Amino acid sequence: FPSHDTPTTPTANATPIVLTQGLDNKTGTAQDDTINALLDGGVATWASTDIVDGAEGTDTITILGLGGTAHDFTNIKNVEKFVLQSTGNTATFDFSKTNAETSVTSYNSTGDFTVTNLSSADVAVGVIGGAVVNTFGFAASNTKDTATVNLNGTTGTVTLTDNTAVKTVVVNADSTKSTLAGLNLGTSIVTGK
């Protein structure tokens, strides 16, 4: 999956950690782990009861096929990059119970995609593909004034919900052209107040 983050050592772990339809309890390594919760026969393999500890390194979890319910990441810790897919109805992802995230990306979502309580505007948000409404909200405790949005091949809408600290939005375009249906910014971002 494309990333705007500069690679760092330690190097990536060559063996992905794979989640199943059953209850999982997985711990990463000292390397940069890839944790895959992909579809198994069309069925999602991640559930909020799964326990994932990325341990050291800069870890990426990819979770596909989440439907229109509220999801939180209480049982995920030490994972920095989240690649998530909403299918069907709107899926809501609550980040209030985890604080290691550095990037959150909507990946080819077919249902509207809503993220709440990102710990800081230092968290880069992104959209790869899809034509849905993607909403990203920062926690009230955020004090960072610049947010970053990374786009790659999307024709959807991107909304940043209001946070009085955020005054500037940096938009990056990746390798595939994006033609947004809309870019909606909170009041403080538009006015700079």
N, C-alpha and C. Protein backbone atom coordinates (compact mmCIF):
# COMPACT_ATOMS: atom_id res chain seq x y z
N PHE A 1 0.84 -1.18 0.00
CA PHE A 1 0.00 0.00 0.00
C PHE A 1 0.89 1.24 0.00
N PRO A 2 0.56 2.25 -0.80
CA PRO A 2 1.42 3.44 -0.86
C PRO A 2 1.51 4.14 0.48
N SER A 3 2.65 4.77 0.71
CA SER A 3 2.86 5.49 1.95
C SER A 3 3.70 6.72 1.68
N HIS A 4 3.39 7.82 2.37
CA HIS A 4 4.19 9.03 2.26
C HIS A 4 5.24 9.10 3.35
N ASP A 5 5.29 8.10 4.21
CA ASP A 5 6.22 8.12 5.32
C ASP A 5 7.60 7.70 4.86
N THR A 6 8.63 8.34 5.36
CA THR A 6 10.00 7.98 5.03
C THR A 6 10.37 6.69 5.73
N PRO A 7 10.90 5.70 4.97
CA PRO A 7 11.28 4.43 5.60
C PRO A 7 12.34 4.66 6.68
N THR A 8 12.22 3.90 7.75
CA THR A 8 13.19 3.99 8.84
C THR A 8 13.67 2.60 9.20
N THR A 9 14.80 2.51 9.87
CA THR A 9 15.22 1.22 10.40
C THR A 9 14.52 1.03 11.74
N PRO A 10 14.23 -0.14 12.22
CA PRO A 10 14.62 -1.41 11.64
C PRO A 10 13.86 -1.74 10.36
N THR A 11 14.36 -2.72 9.61
CA THR A 11 13.77 -3.07 8.33
C THR A 11 12.48 -3.85 8.54
N ALA A 12 11.73 -3.93 7.43
CA ALA A 12 10.43 -4.61 7.50
C ALA A 12 10.61 -6.11 7.75
N ASN A 13 9.70 -6.66 8.52
CA ASN A 13 9.68 -8.09 8.77
C ASN A 13 9.12 -8.77 7.51
N ALA A 14 9.84 -9.74 6.97
CA ALA A 14 9.44 -10.38 5.72
C ALA A 14 8.22 -11.28 5.90
N THR A 15 7.90 -11.66 7.11
CA THR A 15 6.78 -12.57 7.36
C THR A 15 5.60 -11.80 7.94
N PRO A 16 4.54 -11.59 7.14
CA PRO A 16 3.38 -10.86 7.67
C PRO A 16 2.70 -11.65 8.80
N ILE A 17 2.11 -10.91 9.70
CA ILE A 17 1.28 -11.50 10.75
C ILE A 17 -0.15 -11.53 10.21
N VAL A 18 -0.78 -12.69 10.21
CA VAL A 18 -2.08 -12.85 9.57
C VAL A 18 -3.15 -13.14 10.62
N LEU A 19 -4.24 -12.37 10.57
CA LEU A 19 -5.36 -12.62 11.47
C LEU A 19 -6.35 -13.58 10.82
N THR A 20 -7.12 -14.26 11.66
CA THR A 20 -8.07 -15.27 11.18
C THR A 20 -9.48 -14.89 11.62
N GLN A 21 -10.46 -15.70 11.21
CA GLN A 21 -11.84 -15.46 11.63
C GLN A 21 -12.05 -15.79 13.10
N GLY A 22 -11.14 -16.54 13.69
CA GLY A 22 -11.23 -16.87 15.11
C GLY A 22 -10.66 -15.75 15.97
N LEU A 23 -10.60 -15.99 17.27
CA LEU A 23 -10.01 -15.03 18.20
C LEU A 23 -8.49 -15.06 18.05
N ASP A 24 -7.90 -13.90 17.79
CA ASP A 24 -6.46 -13.81 17.58
C ASP A 24 -5.79 -13.07 18.73
N ASN A 25 -4.57 -13.50 19.06
CA ASN A 25 -3.73 -12.81 20.03
C ASN A 25 -2.32 -12.81 19.44
N LYS A 26 -1.95 -11.69 18.81
CA LYS A 26 -0.71 -11.63 18.04
C LYS A 26 0.20 -10.54 18.58
N THR A 27 1.50 -10.84 18.61
CA THR A 27 2.51 -9.88 19.03
C THR A 27 3.55 -9.75 17.93
N GLY A 28 3.90 -8.51 17.61
CA GLY A 28 4.88 -8.25 16.57
C GLY A 28 6.30 -8.46 17.05
N THR A 29 7.23 -8.00 16.22
CA THR A 29 8.64 -8.19 16.49
C THR A 29 9.30 -6.83 16.69
N ALA A 30 10.62 -6.83 16.76
CA ALA A 30 11.38 -5.58 16.85
C ALA A 30 11.49 -4.90 15.50
N GLN A 31 11.03 -5.58 14.44
CA GLN A 31 11.09 -5.03 13.10
C GLN A 31 9.80 -4.28 12.77
N ASP A 32 9.73 -3.76 11.53
CA ASP A 32 8.52 -3.08 11.04
C ASP A 32 7.57 -4.15 10.54
N ASP A 33 6.58 -4.49 11.33
CA ASP A 33 5.68 -5.60 11.01
C ASP A 33 4.53 -5.17 10.12
N THR A 34 4.10 -6.11 9.28
CA THR A 34 2.88 -5.98 8.48
C THR A 34 1.86 -6.94 9.07
N ILE A 35 0.73 -6.40 9.48
CA ILE A 35 -0.32 -7.21 10.11
C ILE A 35 -1.53 -7.17 9.19
N ASN A 36 -1.94 -8.33 8.68
CA ASN A 36 -3.00 -8.40 7.69
C ASN A 36 -4.27 -9.02 8.26
N ALA A 37 -5.34 -8.25 8.23
CA ALA A 37 -6.67 -8.76 8.55
C ALA A 37 -7.49 -8.64 7.26
N LEU A 38 -7.17 -9.51 6.32
CA LEU A 38 -7.78 -9.47 5.00
C LEU A 38 -9.06 -10.31 5.00
N LEU A 39 -9.71 -10.40 3.86
CA LEU A 39 -10.93 -11.19 3.77
C LEU A 39 -10.60 -12.67 3.64
N ASP A 40 -11.42 -13.49 4.27
CA ASP A 40 -11.28 -14.95 4.17
C ASP A 40 -12.61 -15.47 3.66
N GLY A 41 -12.65 -15.81 2.39
CA GLY A 41 -13.92 -16.24 1.80
C GLY A 41 -14.97 -15.14 1.82
N GLY A 42 -14.51 -13.89 1.71
CA GLY A 42 -15.42 -12.75 1.72
C GLY A 42 -15.81 -12.28 3.11
N VAL A 43 -15.24 -12.90 4.14
CA VAL A 43 -15.58 -12.56 5.52
C VAL A 43 -14.40 -11.84 6.17
N ALA A 44 -14.72 -10.77 6.93
CA ALA A 44 -13.68 -10.02 7.63
C ALA A 44 -13.00 -10.91 8.67
N THR A 45 -11.72 -10.69 8.88
CA THR A 45 -10.98 -11.51 9.84
C THR A 45 -10.58 -10.75 11.10
N TRP A 46 -10.89 -9.44 11.16
CA TRP A 46 -10.60 -8.68 12.38
C TRP A 46 -11.89 -8.44 13.15
N ALA A 47 -11.80 -8.57 14.46
CA ALA A 47 -12.90 -8.21 15.36
C ALA A 47 -12.29 -7.45 16.53
N SER A 48 -13.09 -6.64 17.19
CA SER A 48 -12.57 -5.80 18.28
C SER A 48 -12.05 -6.64 19.44
N THR A 49 -12.40 -7.93 19.47
CA THR A 49 -11.90 -8.80 20.53
C THR A 49 -10.50 -9.35 20.23
N ASP A 50 -10.03 -9.19 18.99
CA ASP A 50 -8.68 -9.62 18.65
C ASP A 50 -7.66 -8.74 19.37
N ILE A 51 -6.62 -9.37 19.88
CA ILE A 51 -5.57 -8.65 20.61
C ILE A 51 -4.33 -8.57 19.72
N VAL A 52 -3.88 -7.35 19.44
CA VAL A 52 -2.72 -7.15 18.57
C VAL A 52 -1.78 -6.17 19.25
N ASP A 53 -0.52 -6.59 19.42
CA ASP A 53 0.53 -5.72 19.95
C ASP A 53 1.64 -5.67 18.92
N GLY A 54 1.81 -4.50 18.30
CA GLY A 54 2.83 -4.38 17.27
C GLY A 54 4.23 -4.42 17.80
N ALA A 55 4.39 -4.25 19.12
CA ALA A 55 5.72 -4.24 19.77
C ALA A 55 6.55 -3.10 19.19
N GLU A 56 7.80 -3.38 18.84
CA GLU A 56 8.70 -2.32 18.37
C GLU A 56 8.58 -2.12 16.86
N GLY A 57 9.34 -1.17 16.35
CA GLY A 57 9.30 -0.87 14.93
C GLY A 57 8.09 -0.01 14.58
N THR A 58 7.96 0.29 13.30
CA THR A 58 6.80 1.03 12.78
C THR A 58 5.92 0.04 12.07
N ASP A 59 4.80 -0.29 12.68
CA ASP A 59 3.96 -1.40 12.22
C ASP A 59 2.74 -0.91 11.47
N THR A 60 2.31 -1.72 10.49
CA THR A 60 1.15 -1.39 9.67
C THR A 60 0.12 -2.49 9.78
N ILE A 61 -1.12 -2.12 10.09
CA ILE A 61 -2.21 -3.10 10.09
C ILE A 61 -3.19 -2.73 8.98
N THR A 62 -3.56 -3.73 8.20
CA THR A 62 -4.56 -3.57 7.15
C THR A 62 -5.78 -4.39 7.52
N ILE A 63 -6.93 -3.70 7.63
CA ILE A 63 -8.17 -4.37 8.02
C ILE A 63 -9.21 -4.11 6.93
N LEU A 64 -9.64 -5.17 6.27
CA LEU A 64 -10.59 -5.05 5.16
C LEU A 64 -11.96 -5.58 5.55
N GLY A 65 -12.98 -5.06 4.86
CA GLY A 65 -14.32 -5.64 4.92
C GLY A 65 -15.12 -5.33 6.16
N LEU A 66 -14.93 -4.14 6.74
CA LEU A 66 -15.69 -3.80 7.95
C LEU A 66 -16.98 -3.07 7.58
N GLY A 67 -18.09 -3.60 8.06
CA GLY A 67 -19.40 -3.05 7.72
C GLY A 67 -19.82 -1.90 8.60
N GLY A 68 -21.10 -1.57 8.45
CA GLY A 68 -21.63 -0.34 9.03
C GLY A 68 -21.92 -0.39 10.51
N THR A 69 -20.90 -0.54 11.30
CA THR A 69 -21.05 -0.49 12.75
C THR A 69 -19.90 0.34 13.31
N ALA A 70 -19.92 0.55 14.62
CA ALA A 70 -18.84 1.29 15.29
C ALA A 70 -17.73 0.31 15.67
N HIS A 71 -16.51 0.70 15.37
CA HIS A 71 -15.35 -0.13 15.68
C HIS A 71 -14.37 0.69 16.52
N ASP A 72 -13.78 0.06 17.54
CA ASP A 72 -12.71 0.75 18.27
C ASP A 72 -11.52 -0.18 18.36
N PHE A 73 -10.40 0.39 18.73
CA PHE A 73 -9.14 -0.34 18.70
C PHE A 73 -8.56 -0.50 20.10
N THR A 74 -9.44 -0.78 21.05
CA THR A 74 -9.03 -0.96 22.44
C THR A 74 -7.93 -2.01 22.57
N ASN A 75 -8.03 -3.08 21.78
CA ASN A 75 -7.10 -4.20 21.92
C ASN A 75 -5.94 -4.15 20.93
N ILE A 76 -5.74 -3.00 20.28
CA ILE A 76 -4.58 -2.83 19.41
C ILE A 76 -3.66 -1.80 20.03
N LYS A 77 -2.40 -2.18 20.23
CA LYS A 77 -1.44 -1.22 20.77
C LYS A 77 -0.12 -1.33 20.02
N ASN A 78 0.65 -0.26 20.06
CA ASN A 78 1.96 -0.19 19.42
C ASN A 78 1.90 -0.46 17.92
N VAL A 79 0.80 -0.06 17.29
CA VAL A 79 0.67 -0.12 15.84
C VAL A 79 0.51 1.30 15.34
N GLU A 80 1.34 1.69 14.38
CA GLU A 80 1.40 3.09 13.96
C GLU A 80 0.55 3.40 12.73
N LYS A 81 0.48 2.50 11.78
CA LYS A 81 -0.20 2.80 10.51
C LYS A 81 -1.43 1.90 10.36
N PHE A 82 -2.57 2.54 10.10
CA PHE A 82 -3.83 1.82 9.94
C PHE A 82 -4.34 2.02 8.51
N VAL A 83 -4.56 0.90 7.80
CA VAL A 83 -5.18 0.92 6.47
C VAL A 83 -6.50 0.19 6.63
N LEU A 84 -7.61 0.91 6.45
CA LEU A 84 -8.93 0.39 6.80
C LEU A 84 -9.87 0.46 5.61
N GLN A 85 -10.79 -0.48 5.55
CA GLN A 85 -11.78 -0.49 4.47
C GLN A 85 -13.19 -0.62 5.03
N SER A 86 -14.03 0.33 4.64
CA SER A 86 -15.44 0.29 5.00
C SER A 86 -16.23 -0.29 3.83
N THR A 87 -17.09 -1.26 4.12
CA THR A 87 -17.94 -1.84 3.08
C THR A 87 -19.39 -1.75 3.51
N GLY A 88 -20.28 -1.65 2.54
CA GLY A 88 -21.70 -1.58 2.87
C GLY A 88 -22.06 -0.23 3.44
N ASN A 89 -22.68 -0.21 4.61
CA ASN A 89 -23.09 1.03 5.24
C ASN A 89 -21.89 1.72 5.90
N THR A 90 -22.11 2.92 6.42
CA THR A 90 -21.03 3.68 7.04
C THR A 90 -20.39 2.92 8.19
N ALA A 91 -19.08 2.83 8.16
CA ALA A 91 -18.33 2.26 9.27
C ALA A 91 -17.64 3.39 10.02
N THR A 92 -17.72 3.36 11.34
CA THR A 92 -17.09 4.38 12.18
C THR A 92 -15.95 3.75 12.96
N PHE A 93 -14.79 4.41 12.92
CA PHE A 93 -13.59 3.91 13.58
C PHE A 93 -13.18 4.90 14.67
N ASP A 94 -13.26 4.47 15.92
CA ASP A 94 -12.98 5.32 17.07
C ASP A 94 -11.56 5.06 17.57
N PHE A 95 -10.72 6.11 17.52
CA PHE A 95 -9.32 5.97 17.93
C PHE A 95 -9.07 6.46 19.35
N SER A 96 -10.10 6.62 20.14
CA SER A 96 -9.91 7.16 21.49
C SER A 96 -9.18 6.19 22.42
N LYS A 97 -9.18 4.91 22.09
CA LYS A 97 -8.58 3.91 22.98
C LYS A 97 -7.17 3.50 22.56
N THR A 98 -6.64 4.12 21.52
CA THR A 98 -5.26 3.84 21.11
C THR A 98 -4.61 5.16 20.78
N ASN A 99 -3.30 5.28 20.98
CA ASN A 99 -2.67 6.59 20.73
C ASN A 99 -1.33 6.47 20.02
N ALA A 100 -1.06 5.33 19.40
CA ALA A 100 0.21 5.17 18.69
C ALA A 100 0.09 5.54 17.21
N GLU A 101 -1.13 5.79 16.73
CA GLU A 101 -1.33 5.96 15.30
C GLU A 101 -0.58 7.17 14.75
N THR A 102 0.06 6.97 13.59
CA THR A 102 0.71 8.06 12.87
C THR A 102 0.08 8.30 11.51
N SER A 103 -0.65 7.30 11.00
CA SER A 103 -1.39 7.49 9.75
C SER A 103 -2.61 6.59 9.72
N VAL A 104 -3.68 7.11 9.10
CA VAL A 104 -4.92 6.35 8.94
C VAL A 104 -5.40 6.55 7.51
N THR A 105 -5.61 5.45 6.79
CA THR A 105 -5.97 5.51 5.38
C THR A 105 -7.23 4.71 5.11
N SER A 106 -8.14 5.32 4.34
CA SER A 106 -9.31 4.62 3.80
C SER A 106 -8.88 3.96 2.49
N TYR A 107 -9.03 2.63 2.42
CA TYR A 107 -8.53 1.88 1.26
C TYR A 107 -9.69 1.27 0.47
N ASN A 108 -9.94 1.82 -0.71
CA ASN A 108 -10.98 1.30 -1.61
C ASN A 108 -12.30 1.04 -0.88
N SER A 109 -12.70 1.96 -0.02
CA SER A 109 -13.94 1.78 0.73
C SER A 109 -15.15 1.90 -0.19
N THR A 110 -16.14 1.04 0.05
CA THR A 110 -17.39 1.10 -0.71
C THR A 110 -18.54 1.60 0.15
N GLY A 111 -18.31 1.78 1.42
CA GLY A 111 -19.27 2.39 2.32
C GLY A 111 -18.64 3.62 2.93
N ASP A 112 -19.46 4.60 3.29
CA ASP A 112 -18.91 5.82 3.88
C ASP A 112 -18.03 5.47 5.07
N PHE A 113 -16.99 6.29 5.27
CA PHE A 113 -15.88 5.97 6.16
C PHE A 113 -15.70 7.12 7.13
N THR A 114 -15.85 6.84 8.43
CA THR A 114 -15.75 7.90 9.43
C THR A 114 -14.76 7.51 10.51
N VAL A 115 -13.80 8.42 10.75
CA VAL A 115 -12.81 8.22 11.81
C VAL A 115 -13.02 9.31 12.85
N THR A 116 -13.00 8.93 14.13
CA THR A 116 -13.15 9.90 15.21
C THR A 116 -11.98 9.78 16.18
N ASN A 117 -11.72 10.88 16.88
CA ASN A 117 -10.78 10.90 18.01
C ASN A 117 -9.34 10.55 17.65
N LEU A 118 -8.88 10.98 16.47
CA LEU A 118 -7.46 10.83 16.19
C LEU A 118 -6.69 11.66 17.21
N SER A 119 -5.60 11.10 17.72
CA SER A 119 -4.94 11.71 18.86
C SER A 119 -4.36 13.08 18.56
N SER A 120 -3.97 13.31 17.30
CA SER A 120 -3.31 14.57 16.97
C SER A 120 -3.40 14.82 15.48
N ALA A 121 -3.34 16.09 15.08
CA ALA A 121 -3.29 16.42 13.65
C ALA A 121 -1.96 16.02 13.04
N ASP A 122 -1.00 15.58 13.86
CA ASP A 122 0.22 14.98 13.33
C ASP A 122 -0.07 13.65 12.63
N VAL A 123 -1.23 13.07 12.89
CA VAL A 123 -1.62 11.83 12.22
C VAL A 123 -2.01 12.17 10.78
N ALA A 124 -1.29 11.60 9.83
CA ALA A 124 -1.61 11.82 8.41
C ALA A 124 -2.83 10.98 8.05
N VAL A 125 -3.80 11.60 7.38
CA VAL A 125 -4.97 10.86 6.93
C VAL A 125 -4.90 10.71 5.43
N GLY A 126 -5.49 9.64 4.91
CA GLY A 126 -5.38 9.40 3.48
C GLY A 126 -6.57 8.64 2.93
N VAL A 127 -6.73 8.75 1.60
CA VAL A 127 -7.77 8.02 0.90
C VAL A 127 -7.16 7.43 -0.36
N ILE A 128 -7.27 6.11 -0.49
CA ILE A 128 -6.84 5.41 -1.69
C ILE A 128 -8.08 4.82 -2.35
N GLY A 129 -8.39 5.27 -3.57
CA GLY A 129 -9.53 4.74 -4.30
C GLY A 129 -10.85 5.07 -3.64
N GLY A 130 -11.91 4.53 -4.22
CA GLY A 130 -13.24 4.70 -3.66
C GLY A 130 -13.88 6.01 -4.06
N ALA A 131 -15.21 6.04 -3.93
CA ALA A 131 -16.00 7.22 -4.29
C ALA A 131 -16.97 7.58 -3.19
N VAL A 132 -16.58 7.33 -1.94
CA VAL A 132 -17.46 7.51 -0.80
C VAL A 132 -17.09 8.77 -0.01
N VAL A 133 -17.88 9.05 1.02
CA VAL A 133 -17.59 10.17 1.91
C VAL A 133 -16.63 9.68 3.00
N ASN A 134 -15.46 10.31 3.09
CA ASN A 134 -14.45 9.96 4.08
C ASN A 134 -14.31 11.11 5.07
N THR A 135 -14.62 10.85 6.33
CA THR A 135 -14.60 11.89 7.36
C THR A 135 -13.56 11.55 8.41
N PHE A 136 -12.71 12.52 8.71
CA PHE A 136 -11.66 12.33 9.70
C PHE A 136 -11.81 13.39 10.78
N GLY A 137 -11.86 12.95 12.04
CA GLY A 137 -12.02 13.88 13.14
C GLY A 137 -10.91 13.73 14.17
N PHE A 138 -10.41 14.86 14.66
CA PHE A 138 -9.35 14.85 15.66
C PHE A 138 -9.93 15.01 17.05
N ALA A 139 -9.25 14.44 18.02
CA ALA A 139 -9.70 14.55 19.41
C ALA A 139 -9.67 16.00 19.86
N ALA A 140 -10.52 16.32 20.81
CA ALA A 140 -10.57 17.69 21.33
C ALA A 140 -9.25 18.11 21.94
N SER A 141 -8.45 17.14 22.37
CA SER A 141 -7.17 17.44 23.01
C SER A 141 -6.08 17.81 22.01
N ASN A 142 -6.35 17.69 20.71
CA ASN A 142 -5.33 18.01 19.70
C ASN A 142 -4.88 19.46 19.82
N THR A 143 -3.55 19.67 19.78
CA THR A 143 -3.01 21.03 19.82
C THR A 143 -2.21 21.37 18.56
N LYS A 144 -2.08 20.44 17.63
CA LYS A 144 -1.31 20.67 16.42
C LYS A 144 -2.14 21.47 15.41
N ASP A 145 -1.49 22.41 14.70
CA ASP A 145 -2.25 23.31 13.85
C ASP A 145 -2.25 22.96 12.37
N THR A 146 -1.52 21.90 11.97
CA THR A 146 -1.47 21.52 10.56
C THR A 146 -1.87 20.06 10.40
N ALA A 147 -2.80 19.81 9.47
CA ALA A 147 -3.23 18.45 9.15
C ALA A 147 -2.76 18.09 7.75
N THR A 148 -2.48 16.81 7.52
CA THR A 148 -2.02 16.34 6.22
C THR A 148 -3.00 15.32 5.66
N VAL A 149 -3.39 15.51 4.38
CA VAL A 149 -4.29 14.60 3.69
C VAL A 149 -3.57 14.06 2.46
N ASN A 150 -3.45 12.73 2.36
CA ASN A 150 -2.81 12.07 1.22
C ASN A 150 -3.87 11.41 0.35
N LEU A 151 -3.86 11.71 -0.96
CA LEU A 151 -4.87 11.20 -1.87
C LEU A 151 -4.23 10.36 -2.96
N ASN A 152 -4.91 9.26 -3.33
CA ASN A 152 -4.41 8.40 -4.41
C ASN A 152 -5.60 7.74 -5.10
N GLY A 153 -5.98 8.26 -6.25
CA GLY A 153 -6.99 7.63 -7.08
C GLY A 153 -8.39 7.61 -6.51
N THR A 154 -8.76 8.65 -5.78
CA THR A 154 -10.12 8.70 -5.22
C THR A 154 -10.99 9.72 -5.95
N THR A 155 -12.27 9.42 -6.04
CA THR A 155 -13.25 10.37 -6.57
C THR A 155 -14.28 10.70 -5.50
N GLY A 156 -13.97 10.38 -4.26
CA GLY A 156 -14.89 10.59 -3.16
C GLY A 156 -14.79 11.97 -2.55
N THR A 157 -15.36 12.11 -1.38
CA THR A 157 -15.35 13.36 -0.62
C THR A 157 -14.49 13.18 0.62
N VAL A 158 -13.74 14.21 0.95
CA VAL A 158 -12.93 14.20 2.17
C VAL A 158 -13.41 15.32 3.07
N THR A 159 -13.70 14.99 4.31
CA THR A 159 -14.14 15.97 5.30
C THR A 159 -13.24 15.89 6.52
N LEU A 160 -12.75 17.05 6.96
CA LEU A 160 -12.05 17.13 8.24
C LEU A 160 -12.98 17.83 9.21
N THR A 161 -13.35 17.16 10.27
CA THR A 161 -14.27 17.78 11.22
C THR A 161 -13.54 18.82 12.03
N ASP A 162 -14.27 19.77 12.53
CA ASP A 162 -13.70 20.96 13.15
C ASP A 162 -12.90 20.64 14.40
N ASN A 163 -11.74 21.22 14.45
CA ASN A 163 -10.93 21.22 15.67
C ASN A 163 -10.28 22.59 15.71
N THR A 164 -10.49 23.33 16.76
CA THR A 164 -10.07 24.73 16.77
C THR A 164 -8.56 24.91 16.65
N ALA A 165 -7.78 23.87 16.89
CA ALA A 165 -6.32 24.00 16.78
C ALA A 165 -5.86 23.98 15.32
N VAL A 166 -6.57 23.25 14.46
CA VAL A 166 -6.13 23.07 13.08
C VAL A 166 -6.45 24.31 12.25
N LYS A 167 -5.38 24.88 11.66
CA LYS A 167 -5.55 26.08 10.83
C LYS A 167 -5.11 25.86 9.39
N THR A 168 -4.28 24.84 9.15
CA THR A 168 -3.71 24.61 7.84
C THR A 168 -3.87 23.15 7.45
N VAL A 169 -4.20 22.90 6.17
CA VAL A 169 -4.30 21.54 5.65
C VAL A 169 -3.35 21.40 4.46
N VAL A 170 -2.47 20.41 4.52
CA VAL A 170 -1.56 20.10 3.41
C VAL A 170 -2.13 18.89 2.68
N VAL A 171 -2.37 19.04 1.36
CA VAL A 171 -2.92 17.95 0.55
C VAL A 171 -1.85 17.44 -0.39
N ASN A 172 -1.57 16.14 -0.32
CA ASN A 172 -0.59 15.50 -1.19
C ASN A 172 -1.30 14.56 -2.15
N ALA A 173 -0.91 14.60 -3.45
CA ALA A 173 -1.45 13.69 -4.45
C ALA A 173 -0.41 12.63 -4.75
N ASP A 174 -0.83 11.36 -4.76
CA ASP A 174 0.09 10.28 -5.05
C ASP A 174 0.02 9.92 -6.53
N SER A 175 0.44 8.72 -6.88
CA SER A 175 0.69 8.35 -8.27
C SER A 175 -0.54 8.33 -9.17
N THR A 176 -1.73 8.05 -8.62
CA THR A 176 -2.94 7.99 -9.44
C THR A 176 -3.79 9.23 -9.18
N LYS A 177 -4.22 9.88 -10.26
CA LYS A 177 -4.97 11.13 -10.15
C LYS A 177 -6.24 10.96 -9.31
N SER A 178 -6.49 11.95 -8.47
CA SER A 178 -7.72 12.00 -7.68
C SER A 178 -8.55 13.19 -8.14
N THR A 179 -9.85 12.97 -8.29
CA THR A 179 -10.79 14.05 -8.61
C THR A 179 -11.85 14.03 -7.53
N LEU A 180 -11.68 14.89 -6.54
CA LEU A 180 -12.58 14.86 -5.38
C LEU A 180 -13.96 15.37 -5.73
N ALA A 181 -14.96 14.69 -5.17
CA ALA A 181 -16.33 15.21 -5.27
C ALA A 181 -16.51 16.38 -4.32
N GLY A 182 -15.71 16.44 -3.28
CA GLY A 182 -15.78 17.54 -2.33
C GLY A 182 -14.67 17.48 -1.32
N LEU A 183 -14.25 18.65 -0.84
CA LEU A 183 -13.28 18.77 0.25
C LEU A 183 -13.89 19.71 1.26
N ASN A 184 -14.26 19.18 2.40
CA ASN A 184 -14.96 19.96 3.42
C ASN A 184 -14.06 20.12 4.64
N LEU A 185 -13.92 21.38 5.06
CA LEU A 185 -13.04 21.69 6.17
C LEU A 185 -13.83 22.32 7.31
N GLY A 186 -13.38 22.08 8.53
CA GLY A 186 -14.03 22.69 9.69
C GLY A 186 -13.91 24.21 9.66
N THR A 187 -14.75 24.89 10.41
CA THR A 187 -14.81 26.34 10.42
C THR A 187 -13.47 26.98 10.78
N SER A 188 -12.79 26.42 11.77
CA SER A 188 -11.52 27.03 12.19
C SER A 188 -10.47 26.91 11.10
N ILE A 189 -10.54 25.85 10.28
CA ILE A 189 -9.58 25.69 9.22
C ILE A 189 -9.81 26.71 8.11
N VAL A 190 -11.08 26.90 7.75
CA VAL A 190 -11.42 27.82 6.68
C VAL A 190 -11.09 29.25 7.06
N THR A 191 -11.38 29.63 8.29
CA THR A 191 -11.18 31.03 8.71
C THR A 191 -9.81 31.27 9.28
N GLY A 192 -9.11 30.20 9.70
CA GLY A 192 -7.81 30.36 10.35
C GLY A 192 -7.93 30.94 11.75
N LYS A 193 -9.12 30.83 12.35
CA LYS A 193 -9.36 31.38 13.70
C LYS A 193 -9.78 30.29 14.66
